[in-house]
Amino acid sequence: MDAKITLSFDESVIKKAKRYAEENNISLSRLTEFLLTKVTTNNYSSFEDFPVADWVSMVSEGQAEYKTKAQKSKNLSAEFFKAKK
């Protein structure tokens, strides 16, 4: 059974979270539920121990970059050899 709660966040965080949820075809409520489930189902001694803490910070601060389109193998080879230099 679902229950409702009211939360307050910085407006810019809400906008980014809504955009992220939409891009990943999940509601903001379910995304929040997922994260809270992860936090509450394990025995973390502090929030810093939570493995997704850095990831959440990167998403909320706009530092994370996700590439979802497959690259052509020619581009991947060029990228690989460029990284080796």
Protein backbone atom coordinates (compact mmCIF):
# COMPACT_ATOMS: atom_id res chain seq x y z
CA MET A 1 0.00 0.00 0.00
CA ASP A 2 1.39 3.39 -0.96
CA ALA A 3 1.43 6.24 1.55
CA LYS A 4 2.07 9.91 0.83
CA ILE A 5 4.70 12.13 2.44
CA THR A 6 5.79 15.70 1.86
CA LEU A 7 9.47 16.47 1.36
CA SER A 8 11.27 19.75 0.76
CA PHE A 9 14.33 20.02 -1.51
CA ASP A 10 16.24 22.79 -3.19
CA GLU A 11 14.37 23.71 -6.38
CA SER A 12 17.37 23.01 -8.63
CA VAL A 13 17.75 19.52 -7.16
CA ILE A 14 14.08 18.81 -7.83
CA LYS A 15 14.39 19.93 -11.45
CA LYS A 16 17.46 17.77 -12.01
CA ALA A 17 15.89 14.78 -10.28
CA LYS A 18 12.70 15.08 -12.33
CA ARG A 19 14.72 15.29 -15.53
CA TYR A 20 16.81 12.27 -14.50
CA ALA A 21 13.73 10.24 -13.59
CA GLU A 22 12.01 11.13 -16.86
CA GLU A 23 15.07 10.23 -18.92
CA ASN A 24 15.16 6.86 -17.18
CA ASN A 25 11.43 6.22 -17.52
CA ILE A 26 10.74 6.11 -13.79
CA SER A 27 8.64 8.35 -11.63
CA LEU A 28 10.33 10.61 -9.14
CA SER A 29 8.36 8.86 -6.40
CA ARG A 30 9.69 5.42 -7.42
CA LEU A 31 13.23 6.75 -7.76
CA THR A 32 13.04 8.20 -4.26
CA GLU A 33 11.48 4.98 -2.95
CA PHE A 34 14.30 2.96 -4.54
CA LEU A 35 16.99 5.12 -2.94
CA LEU A 36 15.30 5.07 0.47
CA THR A 37 14.91 1.29 0.24
CA LYS A 38 18.65 0.96 -0.44
CA VAL A 39 19.47 3.15 2.56
CA THR A 40 17.14 1.39 4.98
CA THR A 41 17.71 -2.26 4.02
CA ASN A 42 21.42 -2.33 4.85
CA ASN A 43 23.30 -1.57 8.02
CA TYR A 44 25.26 1.56 7.16
CA SER A 45 26.94 3.27 10.09
CA SER A 46 26.80 6.63 8.31
CA PHE A 47 25.53 8.13 5.08
CA GLU A 48 29.10 8.24 3.74
CA ASP A 49 29.17 4.42 3.89
CA PHE A 50 26.22 4.23 1.53
CA PRO A 51 27.71 3.19 -1.84
CA VAL A 52 25.46 5.41 -3.94
CA ALA A 53 26.19 8.59 -1.95
CA ASP A 54 28.84 9.88 -4.37
CA TRP A 55 26.67 8.98 -7.36
CA VAL A 56 23.67 10.84 -5.94
CA SER A 57 25.83 13.89 -5.30
CA MET A 58 27.17 13.81 -8.85
CA VAL A 59 23.67 13.56 -10.34
CA SER A 60 22.24 16.31 -8.15
CA GLU A 61 25.20 18.60 -8.85
CA GLY A 62 25.25 17.86 -12.58
CA GLN A 63 28.73 16.30 -12.66
CA ALA A 64 27.68 12.86 -13.91
CA GLU A 65 27.75 12.16 -17.62
CA TYR A 66 25.92 9.18 -19.08
CA LYS A 67 26.33 7.98 -22.64
CA THR A 68 23.55 5.69 -23.77
CA LYS A 69 24.00 5.60 -27.54
CA ALA A 70 26.23 2.84 -28.89
CA GLN A 71 29.37 4.06 -30.58
CA LYS A 72 30.62 2.59 -33.84
CA SER A 73 33.56 0.20 -33.43
CA LYS A 74 35.81 2.50 -35.49
CA ASN A 75 35.15 5.32 -33.00
CA LEU A 76 35.79 2.99 -30.08
CA SER A 77 39.15 1.91 -31.51
CA ALA A 78 40.22 5.50 -32.09
CA GLU A 79 39.12 6.44 -28.57
CA PHE A 80 41.03 3.46 -27.11
CA PHE A 81 44.29 4.29 -28.88
CA LYS A 82 43.95 7.98 -28.05
CA ALA A 83 43.60 7.09 -24.36
CA LYS A 84 46.78 4.96 -24.55
CA LYS A 85 48.95 7.97 -25.54
